[in-house]
Protein backbone atom coordinates (compact mmCIF):
# COMPACT_ATOMS: atom_id res chain seq x y z
CA MET A 1 0.00 0.00 0.00
CA MET A 2 1.49 3.32 -1.13
CA ILE A 3 0.22 6.11 1.12
CA LYS A 4 0.94 9.66 -0.10
CA HIS A 5 -1.24 11.81 2.17
CA HIS A 6 -0.61 11.72 5.92
CA LEU A 7 -1.57 13.22 9.26
CA ASN A 8 0.16 16.55 9.79
CA ASP A 9 2.31 17.22 12.86
CA GLU A 10 -0.42 19.20 14.63
CA LEU A 11 -2.90 16.34 14.39
CA LEU A 12 -0.32 13.73 15.35
CA MET A 13 0.77 15.70 18.41
CA GLY A 14 -2.87 16.26 19.38
CA TYR A 15 -3.57 12.55 19.03
CA ALA A 16 -0.48 11.64 21.06
CA ALA A 17 -1.54 14.10 23.77
CA GLY A 18 -5.14 12.84 23.79
CA ILE A 19 -6.65 16.27 23.07
CA LEU A 20 -8.36 15.66 19.73
CA PRO A 21 -12.14 15.26 19.53
CA GLU A 22 -13.13 11.60 19.61
CA ALA A 23 -14.12 11.59 15.92
CA PHE A 24 -10.72 12.99 14.87
CA SER A 25 -8.94 10.52 17.17
CA MET A 26 -10.84 7.71 15.46
CA VAL A 27 -9.57 8.85 12.06
CA ALA A 28 -6.03 9.31 13.39
CA ALA A 29 -5.97 5.86 14.99
CA THR A 30 -7.29 4.24 11.81
CA HIS A 31 -4.76 6.04 9.60
CA VAL A 32 -1.89 5.17 11.96
CA SER A 33 -2.92 1.50 11.85
CA LEU A 34 -2.41 1.59 8.06
CA CYS A 35 0.57 3.94 7.73
CA ASP A 36 4.12 2.94 8.72
CA ASP A 37 5.37 6.53 8.42
CA CYS A 38 2.76 8.07 10.73
CA ARG A 39 3.06 5.18 13.18
CA ALA A 40 6.81 5.86 13.50
CA ARG A 41 6.24 9.61 13.89
CA LEU A 42 3.57 8.98 16.52
CA ALA A 43 5.92 6.73 18.48
CA ALA A 44 8.53 9.48 18.38
CA TYR A 45 6.08 12.09 19.68
CA GLU A 46 4.92 9.78 22.45
CA ALA A 47 8.51 8.97 23.42
CA VAL A 48 9.45 12.62 23.92
CA GLY A 49 6.04 14.03 24.83
CA GLY A 50 7.09 15.09 28.30
CA ALA A 51 9.84 17.30 26.91
CA VAL A 52 7.39 19.79 25.43
CA LEU A 53 5.99 20.46 28.91
CA GLU A 54 9.41 20.90 30.48
CA GLU A 55 11.48 22.57 27.78
CA GLY A 56 9.13 23.78 25.03
CA THR A 57 8.53 22.87 21.40
CA ALA A 58 12.21 23.11 20.42
CA ALA A 59 12.96 20.20 22.71
CA MET A 60 10.03 18.29 21.24
CA ASP A 61 11.29 18.83 17.69
CA ALA A 62 14.82 17.77 18.61
CA GLY A 63 13.57 14.74 20.46
CA VAL A 64 11.37 13.62 17.58
CA ASP A 65 14.29 13.87 15.15
CA ALA A 66 16.52 11.88 17.48
CA CYS A 67 13.91 9.19 18.05
CA LEU A 68 13.26 8.77 14.36
CA ALA A 69 16.98 8.54 13.70
CA ARG A 70 17.25 5.73 16.24
CA SER A 71 14.24 3.92 14.69
CA VAL A 72 12.08 3.95 17.80
CA GLU A 73 10.13 0.74 18.33
CA GLN A 74 6.70 1.23 16.82
CA PRO A 75 3.44 0.33 18.55
CA ALA A 76 1.85 -2.92 17.40
CA ARG A 77 -0.33 -2.58 14.34
CA LYS A 78 -3.97 -3.39 14.88
CA ARG A 79 -5.03 -6.13 12.49
CA ARG A 80 -7.03 -5.08 9.46
CA GLN A 81 -10.16 -7.19 9.14
CA GLY A 82 -11.58 -7.10 5.62
CA VAL A 83 -12.12 -3.51 4.56
CA MET A 84 -12.23 -2.12 8.09
CA PRO A 85 -8.95 -1.59 9.99
CA GLY A 86 -8.77 -2.73 13.61
CA PRO A 87 -9.58 0.64 15.27
CA LEU A 88 -12.96 0.76 13.47
CA VAL A 89 -14.10 -2.77 14.25
CA ASP A 90 -15.21 -1.95 17.81
CA TYR A 91 -17.18 1.11 16.66
CA ILE A 92 -18.92 -0.84 13.93
CA GLY A 93 -19.25 -4.20 15.64
CA GLY A 94 -17.63 -6.01 12.73
CA ASP A 95 -16.68 -5.43 9.10
CA LEU A 96 -18.77 -4.09 6.21
CA SER A 97 -21.62 -6.53 6.80
CA ALA A 98 -22.22 -4.93 10.22
CA VAL A 99 -22.53 -1.36 8.90
CA LYS A 100 -26.03 0.12 9.07
CA TRP A 101 -26.08 2.25 5.95
CA ARG A 102 -28.55 5.04 5.21
CA SER A 103 -29.13 6.22 1.65
CA LEU A 104 -28.23 9.80 0.71
CA GLY A 105 -29.31 9.44 -2.94
CA MET A 106 -27.46 8.66 -6.20
CA GLY A 107 -26.25 5.41 -4.63
CA VAL A 108 -24.30 7.28 -1.94
CA ARG A 109 -24.77 5.92 1.58
CA GLN A 110 -23.58 6.91 5.03
CA ALA A 111 -23.42 5.43 8.52
CA ILE A 112 -22.97 7.86 11.40
CA LEU A 113 -20.71 6.45 14.12
CA PRO A 114 -21.25 7.11 17.84
CA THR A 115 -18.79 9.72 19.12
CA SER A 116 -18.73 12.71 21.45
CA ARG A 117 -20.54 15.87 20.32
CA SER A 118 -17.44 17.98 19.66
CA ALA A 119 -17.11 16.42 16.19
CA SER A 120 -18.94 13.80 14.14
CA ALA A 121 -17.71 10.71 12.31
CA ARG A 122 -19.33 8.75 9.52
CA LEU A 123 -18.61 6.06 6.98
CA LEU A 124 -19.36 7.07 3.40
CA TYR A 125 -20.04 4.66 0.55
CA ILE A 126 -19.68 6.32 -2.87
CA PRO A 127 -20.27 4.19 -5.99
CA ALA A 128 -17.49 4.24 -8.58
CA GLY A 129 -17.81 7.24 -10.89
CA VAL A 130 -20.23 9.14 -8.62
CA ALA A 131 -19.47 12.67 -7.39
CA VAL A 132 -20.18 14.12 -3.96
CA PRO A 133 -22.02 17.49 -4.21
CA ASP A 134 -19.88 20.61 -4.47
CA HIS A 135 -19.14 21.79 -0.94
CA GLY A 136 -16.86 23.81 1.31
CA HIS A 137 -16.16 23.63 5.03
CA ARG A 138 -16.99 25.68 8.09
CA GLY A 139 -14.29 23.88 10.07
CA MET A 140 -12.00 20.91 9.50
CA GLU A 141 -12.87 17.72 7.65
CA LEU A 142 -10.67 14.61 7.72
CA THR A 143 -11.40 11.99 5.06
CA LEU A 144 -9.59 8.65 5.12
CA VAL A 145 -9.97 6.21 2.22
CA LEU A 146 -10.64 2.59 3.22
CA GLN A 147 -11.51 1.14 -0.20
CA GLY A 148 -11.27 2.42 -3.76
CA ALA A 149 -10.14 5.99 -4.42
CA PHE A 150 -11.42 9.49 -5.14
CA ARG A 151 -10.13 12.60 -6.85
CA ASP A 152 -10.84 16.27 -6.32
CA SER A 153 -9.21 19.59 -7.17
CA GLU A 154 -6.38 18.84 -4.74
CA ASP A 155 -5.15 15.35 -5.73
CA ARG A 156 -5.94 11.65 -5.90
CA PHE A 157 -6.59 9.82 -2.63
CA GLY A 158 -6.30 6.02 -2.47
CA VAL A 159 -6.50 3.46 0.32
CA GLY A 160 -4.82 4.79 3.46
CA ASP A 161 -4.61 8.37 2.17
CA LEU A 162 -5.99 11.15 4.35
CA GLU A 163 -7.35 14.44 3.01
CA ILE A 164 -7.28 17.31 5.50
CA ALA A 165 -9.76 19.95 4.35
CA GLY A 166 -10.09 23.37 5.95
CA GLU A 167 -12.31 26.39 5.39
CA GLU A 168 -10.31 27.43 2.32
CA LEU A 169 -11.15 24.29 0.32
CA GLN A 170 -14.17 24.07 -2.01
CA HIS A 171 -14.26 20.74 -3.86
CA ILE A 172 -16.22 18.03 -5.65
CA PRO A 173 -14.81 14.61 -4.70
CA VAL A 174 -15.41 12.00 -7.41
CA ALA A 175 -15.03 8.26 -6.79
CA GLU A 176 -12.72 6.66 -9.35
CA ALA A 177 -13.84 3.92 -11.70
CA GLY A 178 -13.29 0.40 -10.42
CA ALA A 179 -13.99 -0.41 -6.80
CA ASP A 180 -16.65 1.63 -5.02
CA CYS A 181 -15.10 4.15 -2.64
CA ILE A 182 -15.55 3.76 1.11
CA CYS A 183 -14.24 6.51 3.39
CA LEU A 184 -14.16 7.41 7.05
CA ALA A 185 -14.89 11.12 7.46
CA ALA A 186 -14.86 13.36 10.52
CA THR A 187 -16.00 16.99 10.77
CA ASP A 188 -16.17 19.54 13.57
CA ALA A 189 -18.71 21.79 11.81
CA PRO A 190 -21.44 21.39 9.17
CA LEU A 191 -20.38 21.37 5.52
CA ARG A 192 -21.18 24.35 3.30
CA PHE A 193 -22.99 23.12 0.16
CA LYS A 194 -23.14 25.21 -2.98
CA ASP A 195 -26.45 23.88 -4.37
CA TRP A 196 -29.84 24.33 -2.70
CA MET A 197 -30.95 20.68 -2.62
CA PRO A 198 -28.07 19.43 -0.42
CA ARG A 199 -28.61 22.45 1.84
CA ILE A 200 -32.28 21.50 2.33
CA LEU A 201 -31.40 17.88 3.12
CA GLN A 202 -28.42 18.76 5.32
CA PRO A 203 -30.25 18.82 8.69
CA ILE A 204 -31.93 15.48 7.92
CA PHE A 205 -28.70 13.73 7.01
CA ARG A 206 -26.70 15.53 9.75
CA ILE A 207 -23.93 16.63 7.42
């Protein structure tokens, strides 16, 4: 698996410190379970985490570099079961067959996962070749690909890739031909849809 798009340092440090909203922590844990690079970086942050409290961020940066250079022992990878990586299995109660999908139209489906109220998490099923409505963001959206791939104005995102979208990004994600695209997405604010129909349905679908 070739992963090109990763957690940034801010999210990794927040995850290591346990300060991310539950929905974002879910995405981070799932990505880390798939990504050797982010798992090594996370281990480095955890190994030197106390230094940032005692000596500031410069010590943290130096410690991370040193730990990576020494190839810090990485935490055990949670086993991927079918499409769903280990961190998602407990939330779902199994693999794809356990997901309780709800139709959003055009073949797109979602399943909202139980998390704290500070952010929401959902699984999205997007048939190959189908586009998600044009939208922007009122906060941050993390989208992790579990199956298939999608493209938007930023890049291509395949299995294991994570798109970090902020308020500056307006896009139309399109699932690639081939396998249907399944993603784990987390948001800390409602999306901002361009067209009127998605805006009307937004409160119903809680997006």
